[in-house]
């Protein structure tokens, strides 16, 4: 069996995480896990934005002006 390994490099990426405020106990832990994973792959904390679900349309259009929370 052939095994291929590598390192994901996220240097220079800008990431938006979209999460609703519904059931914040669960979503806050999911957000923290996502941020931790991204930072382990060299994405800087200042390049990660947390957007509310009402901003999904704006985020999909790559406009980042409507933020609920920022890292």
PDB file of N, CA and C in Angstrom:
ATOM      1  N   UNK A   1       0.846  -1.173   0.000  1.00  0.00           N
ATOM      2  CA  UNK A   1       0.000   0.000   0.000  1.00  0.00           C
ATOM      3  C   UNK A   1       0.895   1.241   0.000  1.00  0.00           C
ATOM      4  N   UNK A   2       0.599   2.182  -0.868  1.00  0.00           N
ATOM      5  CA  UNK A   2       1.367   3.424  -0.975  1.00  0.00           C
ATOM      6  C   UNK A   2       0.796   4.450  -0.002  1.00  0.00           C
ATOM      7  N   UNK A   3       1.648   5.033   0.819  1.00  0.00           N
ATOM      8  CA  UNK A   3       1.232   6.059   1.776  1.00  0.00           C
ATOM      9  C   UNK A   3       1.859   7.386   1.356  1.00  0.00           C
ATOM     10  N   UNK A   4       1.035   8.392   1.219  1.00  0.00           N
ATOM     11  CA  UNK A   4       1.499   9.725   0.869  1.00  0.00           C
ATOM     12  C   UNK A   4       1.236  10.646   2.054  1.00  0.00           C
ATOM     13  N   UNK A   5       2.263  11.341   2.500  1.00  0.00           N
ATOM     14  CA  UNK A   5       2.118  12.257   3.623  1.00  0.00           C
ATOM     15  C   UNK A   5       2.600  13.628   3.208  1.00  0.00           C
ATOM     16  N   UNK A   6       2.123  14.621   3.900  1.00  0.00           N
ATOM     17  CA  UNK A   6       2.547  15.980   3.617  1.00  0.00           C
ATOM     18  C   UNK A   6       2.100  16.920   4.709  1.00  0.00           C
ATOM     19  N   UNK A   7       2.397  18.178   4.542  1.00  0.00           N
ATOM     20  CA  UNK A   7       2.002  19.203   5.499  1.00  0.00           C
ATOM     21  C   UNK A   7       1.172  20.240   4.763  1.00  0.00           C
ATOM     22  N   UNK A   8      -0.008  20.481   5.271  1.00  0.00           N
ATOM     23  CA  UNK A   8      -0.841  21.535   4.693  1.00  0.00           C
ATOM     24  C   UNK A   8      -0.304  22.873   5.148  1.00  0.00           C
ATOM     25  N   UNK A   9      -0.103  23.777   4.222  1.00  0.00           N
ATOM     26  CA  UNK A   9       0.445  25.094   4.539  1.00  0.00           C
ATOM     27  C   UNK A   9      -0.601  26.146   4.200  1.00  0.00           C
ATOM     28  N   UNK A  10      -1.024  26.880   5.210  1.00  0.00           N
ATOM     29  CA  UNK A  10      -2.059  27.890   5.023  1.00  0.00           C
ATOM     30  C   UNK A  10      -1.536  29.307   5.106  1.00  0.00           C
ATOM     31  N   UNK A  11      -0.243  29.487   4.972  1.00  0.00           N
ATOM     32  CA  UNK A  11       0.359  30.812   5.053  1.00  0.00           C
ATOM     33  C   UNK A  11      -0.229  31.724   3.982  1.00  0.00           C
ATOM     34  N   UNK A  12      -0.664  32.906   4.388  1.00  0.00           N
ATOM     35  CA  UNK A  12      -1.190  33.886   3.444  1.00  0.00           C
ATOM     36  C   UNK A  12      -2.674  33.745   3.135  1.00  0.00           C
ATOM     37  N   UNK A  13      -3.336  32.731   3.694  1.00  0.00           N
ATOM     38  CA  UNK A  13      -4.770  32.567   3.443  1.00  0.00           C
ATOM     39  C   UNK A  13      -5.599  33.464   4.353  1.00  0.00           C
ATOM     40  N   UNK A  14      -6.720  33.926   3.851  1.00  0.00           N
ATOM     41  CA  UNK A  14      -7.720  34.614   4.661  1.00  0.00           C
ATOM     42  C   UNK A  14      -8.920  33.675   4.750  1.00  0.00           C
ATOM     43  N   UNK A  15      -9.344  33.360   5.970  1.00  0.00           N
ATOM     44  CA  UNK A  15     -10.382  32.367   6.201  1.00  0.00           C
ATOM     45  C   UNK A  15     -11.560  33.015   6.922  1.00  0.00           C
ATOM     46  N   UNK A  16     -12.756  32.696   6.477  1.00  0.00           N
ATOM     47  CA  UNK A  16     -13.974  33.120   7.176  1.00  0.00           C
ATOM     48  C   UNK A  16     -14.701  31.862   7.649  1.00  0.00           C
ATOM     49  N   UNK A  17     -15.034  31.834   8.935  1.00  0.00           N
ATOM     50  CA  UNK A  17     -15.809  30.746   9.515  1.00  0.00           C
ATOM     51  C   UNK A  17     -17.201  31.297   9.775  1.00  0.00           C
ATOM     52  N   UNK A  18     -18.222  30.635   9.238  1.00  0.00           N
ATOM     53  CA  UNK A  18     -19.600  31.093   9.405  1.00  0.00           C
ATOM     54  C   UNK A  18     -20.283  30.192  10.416  1.00  0.00           C
ATOM     55  N   UNK A  19     -20.815  30.791  11.477  1.00  0.00           N
ATOM     56  CA  UNK A  19     -21.482  30.022  12.530  1.00  0.00           C
ATOM     57  C   UNK A  19     -22.657  30.813  13.070  1.00  0.00           C
ATOM     58  N   UNK A  20     -23.726  30.113  13.348  1.00  0.00           N
ATOM     59  CA  UNK A  20     -24.893  30.780  13.932  1.00  0.00           C
ATOM     60  C   UNK A  20     -24.697  30.923  15.440  1.00  0.00           C
ATOM     61  N   UNK A  21     -25.487  31.750  16.049  1.00  0.00           N
ATOM     62  CA  UNK A  21     -25.433  31.899  17.498  1.00  0.00           C
ATOM     63  C   UNK A  21     -26.354  30.903  18.202  1.00  0.00           C
ATOM     64  N   UNK A  22     -27.128  30.157  17.418  1.00  0.00           N
ATOM     65  CA  UNK A  22     -27.995  29.145  17.987  1.00  0.00           C
ATOM     66  C   UNK A  22     -27.122  28.073  18.634  1.00  0.00           C
ATOM     67  N   UNK A  23     -27.446  27.702  19.854  1.00  0.00           N
ATOM     68  CA  UNK A  23     -26.706  26.684  20.604  1.00  0.00           C
ATOM     69  C   UNK A  23     -25.225  27.042  20.689  1.00  0.00           C
ATOM     70  N   UNK A  24     -24.959  28.199  21.253  1.00  0.00           N
ATOM     71  CA  UNK A  24     -23.600  28.734  21.305  1.00  0.00           C
ATOM     72  C   UNK A  24     -22.641  27.846  22.095  1.00  0.00           C
ATOM     73  N   UNK A  25     -23.149  27.043  23.005  1.00  0.00           N
ATOM     74  CA  UNK A  25     -22.295  26.121  23.744  1.00  0.00           C
ATOM     75  C   UNK A  25     -21.565  25.178  22.793  1.00  0.00           C
ATOM     76  N   UNK A  26     -22.279  24.678  21.808  1.00  0.00           N
ATOM     77  CA  UNK A  26     -21.673  23.757  20.840  1.00  0.00           C
ATOM     78  C   UNK A  26     -20.896  24.512  19.772  1.00  0.00           C
ATOM     79  N   UNK A  27     -21.484  25.566  19.210  1.00  0.00           N
ATOM     80  CA  UNK A  27     -20.809  26.264  18.108  1.00  0.00           C
ATOM     81  C   UNK A  27     -19.515  26.934  18.558  1.00  0.00           C
ATOM     82  N   UNK A  28     -19.458  27.410  19.802  1.00  0.00           N
ATOM     83  CA  UNK A  28     -18.224  28.043  20.272  1.00  0.00           C
ATOM     84  C   UNK A  28     -17.083  27.029  20.337  1.00  0.00           C
ATOM     85  N   UNK A  29     -17.391  25.796  20.728  1.00  0.00           N
ATOM     86  CA  UNK A  29     -16.357  24.758  20.762  1.00  0.00           C
ATOM     87  C   UNK A  29     -15.932  24.350  19.354  1.00  0.00           C
ATOM     88  N   UNK A  30     -16.889  24.297  18.433  1.00  0.00           N
ATOM     89  CA  UNK A  30     -16.555  23.981  17.041  1.00  0.00           C
ATOM     90  C   UNK A  30     -15.667  25.068  16.428  1.00  0.00           C
ATOM     91  N   UNK A  31     -15.988  26.325  16.734  1.00  0.00           N
ATOM     92  CA  UNK A  31     -15.183  27.449  16.233  1.00  0.00           C
ATOM     93  C   UNK A  31     -13.764  27.372  16.786  1.00  0.00           C
ATOM     94  N   UNK A  32     -13.633  27.117  18.082  1.00  0.00           N
ATOM     95  CA  UNK A  32     -12.302  27.028  18.692  1.00  0.00           C
ATOM     96  C   UNK A  32     -11.501  25.887  18.076  1.00  0.00           C
ATOM     97  N   UNK A  33     -12.144  24.759  17.816  1.00  0.00           N
ATOM     98  CA  UNK A  33     -11.461  23.636  17.170  1.00  0.00           C
ATOM     99  C   UNK A  33     -11.016  23.970  15.761  1.00  0.00           C
ATOM    100  N   UNK A  34     -11.874  24.667  15.020  1.00  0.00           N
ATOM    101  CA  UNK A  34     -11.527  25.068  13.650  1.00  0.00           C
ATOM    102  C   UNK A  34     -10.355  26.054  13.656  1.00  0.00           C
ATOM    103  N   UNK A  35     -10.392  27.045  14.574  1.00  0.00           N
ATOM    104  CA  UNK A  35      -9.299  28.010  14.667  1.00  0.00           C
ATOM    105  C   UNK A  35      -7.993  27.324  15.050  1.00  0.00           C
ATOM    106  N   UNK A  36      -8.057  26.391  15.994  1.00  0.00           N
ATOM    107  CA  UNK A  36      -6.863  25.669  16.420  1.00  0.00           C
ATOM    108  C   UNK A  36      -6.256  24.884  15.257  1.00  0.00           C
ATOM    109  N   UNK A  37      -7.096  24.194  14.505  1.00  0.00           N
ATOM    110  CA  UNK A  37      -6.619  23.417  13.360  1.00  0.00           C
ATOM    111  C   UNK A  37      -5.999  24.322  12.300  1.00  0.00           C
ATOM    112  N   UNK A  38      -6.655  25.443  12.004  1.00  0.00           N
ATOM    113  CA  UNK A  38      -6.106  26.367  11.010  1.00  0.00           C
ATOM    114  C   UNK A  38      -4.757  26.926  11.450  1.00  0.00           C
ATOM    115  N   UNK A  39      -4.637  27.278  12.720  1.00  0.00           N
ATOM    116  CA  UNK A  39      -3.386  27.851  13.216  1.00  0.00           C
ATOM    117  C   UNK A  39      -2.274  26.798  13.240  1.00  0.00           C
ATOM    118  N   UNK A  40      -2.613  25.541  13.399  1.00  0.00           N
ATOM    119  CA  UNK A  40      -1.605  24.473  13.323  1.00  0.00           C
ATOM    120  C   UNK A  40      -1.070  24.322  11.900  1.00  0.00           C
ATOM    121  N   UNK A  41      -1.818  24.811  10.938  1.00  0.00           N
ATOM    122  CA  UNK A  41      -1.399  24.752   9.538  1.00  0.00           C
ATOM    123  C   UNK A  41      -0.943  26.116   9.038  1.00  0.00           C
ATOM    124  N   UNK A  42      -0.428  26.920   9.963  1.00  0.00           N
ATOM    125  CA  UNK A  42       0.234  28.199   9.661  1.00  0.00           C
ATOM    126  C   UNK A  42      -0.678  29.307   9.148  1.00  0.00           C
ATOM    127  N   UNK A  43      -1.963  29.255   9.442  1.00  0.00           N
ATOM    128  CA  UNK A  43      -2.852  30.380   9.154  1.00  0.00           C
ATOM    129  C   UNK A  43      -2.774  31.307  10.364  1.00  0.00           C
ATOM    130  N   UNK A  44      -2.477  32.576  10.153  1.00  0.00           N
ATOM    131  CA  UNK A  44      -2.354  33.496  11.292  1.00  0.00           C
ATOM    132  C   UNK A  44      -3.726  33.813  11.867  1.00  0.00           C
ATOM    133  N   UNK A  45      -3.765  34.035  13.170  1.00  0.00           N
ATOM    134  CA  UNK A  45      -5.023  34.327  13.858  1.00  0.00           C
ATOM    135  C   UNK A  45      -5.710  35.574  13.337  1.00  0.00           C
ATOM    136  N   UNK A  46      -4.923  36.537  12.856  1.00  0.00           N
ATOM    137  CA  UNK A  46      -5.517  37.768  12.336  1.00  0.00           C
ATOM    138  C   UNK A  46      -6.156  37.569  10.962  1.00  0.00           C
ATOM    139  N   UNK A  47      -5.897  36.426  10.335  1.00  0.00           N
ATOM    140  CA  UNK A  47      -6.474  36.125   9.017  1.00  0.00           C
ATOM    141  C   UNK A  47      -7.755  35.304   9.115  1.00  0.00           C
ATOM    142  N   UNK A  48      -8.219  35.049  10.340  1.00  0.00           N
ATOM    143  CA  UNK A  48      -9.424  34.238  10.544  1.00  0.00           C
ATOM    144  C   UNK A  48     -10.531  35.144  11.053  1.00  0.00           C
ATOM    145  N   UNK A  49     -11.626  35.232  10.303  1.00  0.00           N
ATOM    146  CA  UNK A  49     -12.792  36.009  10.711  1.00  0.00           C
ATOM    147  C   UNK A  49     -13.930  35.058  11.044  1.00  0.00           C
ATOM    148  N   UNK A  50     -14.671  35.395  12.094  1.00  0.00           N
ATOM    149  CA  UNK A  50     -15.852  34.633  12.475  1.00  0.00           C
ATOM    150  C   UNK A  50     -17.064  35.454  12.073  1.00  0.00           C
ATOM    151  N   UNK A  51     -17.877  34.904  11.174  1.00  0.00           N
ATOM    152  CA  UNK A  51     -19.053  35.609  10.682  1.00  0.00           C
ATOM    153  C   UNK A  51     -20.315  34.925  11.196  1.00  0.00           C
ATOM    154  N   UNK A  52     -21.353  35.711  11.433  1.00  0.00           N
ATOM    155  CA  UNK A  52     -22.646  35.165  11.798  1.00  0.00           C
ATOM    156  C   UNK A  52     -23.360  34.643  10.560  1.00  0.00           C
ATOM    157  N   UNK A  53     -24.335  33.805  10.780  1.00  0.00           N
ATOM    158  CA  UNK A  53     -25.037  33.178   9.653  1.00  0.00           C
ATOM    159  C   UNK A  53     -25.780  34.197   8.798  1.00  0.00           C
ATOM    160  N   UNK A  54     -26.157  35.329   9.370  1.00  0.00           N
ATOM    161  CA  UNK A  54     -26.859  36.340   8.564  1.00  0.00           C
ATOM    162  C   UNK A  54     -25.937  36.980   7.529  1.00  0.00           C
ATOM    163  N   UNK A  55     -24.635  36.795   7.690  1.00  0.00           N
ATOM    164  CA  UNK A  55     -23.652  37.354   6.762  1.00  0.00           C
ATOM    165  C   UNK A  55     -23.243  36.355   5.693  1.00  0.00           C
ATOM    166  N   UNK A  56     -23.898  35.220   5.625  1.00  0.00           N
ATOM    167  CA  UNK A  56     -23.477  34.178   4.700  1.00  0.00           C
ATOM    168  C   UNK A  56     -23.490  34.650   3.253  1.00  0.00           C
ATOM    169  N   UNK A  57     -24.520  35.343   2.855  1.00  0.00           N
ATOM    170  CA  UNK A  57     -24.600  35.845   1.481  1.00  0.00           C
ATOM    171  C   UNK A  57     -23.463  36.784   1.154  1.00  0.00           C
ATOM    172  N   UNK A  58     -23.144  37.633   2.088  1.00  0.00           N
ATOM    173  CA  UNK A  58     -22.038  38.577   1.883  1.00  0.00           C
ATOM    174  C   UNK A  58     -20.723  37.822   1.794  1.00  0.00           C
ATOM    175  N   UNK A  59     -20.544  36.832   2.672  1.00  0.00           N
ATOM    176  CA  UNK A  59     -19.304  36.052   2.654  1.00  0.00           C
ATOM    177  C   UNK A  59     -19.170  35.276   1.353  1.00  0.00           C
ATOM    178  N   UNK A  60     -20.271  34.764   0.860  1.00  0.00           N
ATOM    179  CA  UNK A  60     -20.213  34.019  -0.392  1.00  0.00           C
ATOM    180  C   UNK A  60     -19.851  34.913  -1.563  1.00  0.00           C
ATOM    181  N   UNK A  61     -20.170  36.183  -1.460  1.00  0.00           N
ATOM    182  CA  UNK A  61     -19.788  37.147  -2.493  1.00  0.00           C
ATOM    183  C   UNK A  61     -18.414  37.736  -2.241  1.00  0.00           C
ATOM    184  N   UNK A  62     -17.733  37.173  -1.261  1.00  0.00           N
ATOM    185  CA  UNK A  62     -16.383  37.602  -0.883  1.00  0.00           C
ATOM    186  C   UNK A  62     -16.302  39.037  -0.408  1.00  0.00           C
ATOM    187  N   UNK A  63     -17.363  39.521   0.173  1.00  0.00           N
ATOM    188  CA  UNK A  63     -17.335  40.820   0.821  1.00  0.00           C
ATOM    189  C   UNK A  63     -17.307  40.531   2.315  1.00  0.00           C
ATOM    190  N   UNK A  64     -16.392  41.135   3.022  1.00  0.00           N
ATOM    191  CA  UNK A  64     -16.225  40.801   4.419  1.00  0.00           C
ATOM    192  C   UNK A  64     -16.559  41.990   5.327  1.00  0.00           C
ATOM    193  N   UNK A  65     -17.513  42.805   4.943  1.00  0.00           N
ATOM    194  CA  UNK A  65     -17.800  44.006   5.719  1.00  0.00           C
ATOM    195  C   UNK A  65     -18.799  43.765   6.838  1.00  0.00           C
ATOM    196  N   UNK A  66     -19.520  42.667   6.831  1.00  0.00           N
ATOM    197  CA  UNK A  66     -20.563  42.410   7.820  1.00  0.00           C
ATOM    198  C   UNK A  66     -20.075  41.341   8.783  1.00  0.00           C
ATOM    199  N   UNK A  67     -19.442  41.744   9.895  1.00  0.00           N
ATOM    200  CA  UNK A  67     -18.924  40.768  10.848  1.00  0.00           C
ATOM    201  C   UNK A  67     -19.667  40.883  12.168  1.00  0.00           C
ATOM    202  N   UNK A  68     -20.005  39.741  12.731  1.00  0.00           N
ATOM    203  CA  UNK A  68     -20.581  39.704  14.084  1.00  0.00           C
ATOM    204  C   UNK A  68     -19.480  39.714  15.113  1.00  0.00           C
ATOM    205  N   UNK A  69     -18.484  38.875  14.893  1.00  0.00           N
ATOM    206  CA  UNK A  69     -17.374  38.751  15.825  1.00  0.00           C
ATOM    207  C   UNK A  69     -16.097  38.620  15.015  1.00  0.00           C
ATOM    208  N   UNK A  70     -15.017  39.084  15.577  1.00  0.00           N
ATOM    209  CA  UNK A  70     -13.715  38.874  14.950  1.00  0.00           C
ATOM    210  C   UNK A  70     -12.807  38.226  15.956  1.00  0.00           C
ATOM    211  N   UNK A  71     -11.822  37.510  15.438  1.00  0.00           N
ATOM    212  CA  UNK A  71     -10.866  36.806  16.276  1.00  0.00           C
ATOM    213  C   UNK A  71      -9.958  37.815  16.945  1.00  0.00           C
TER     214      UNK A  71
END
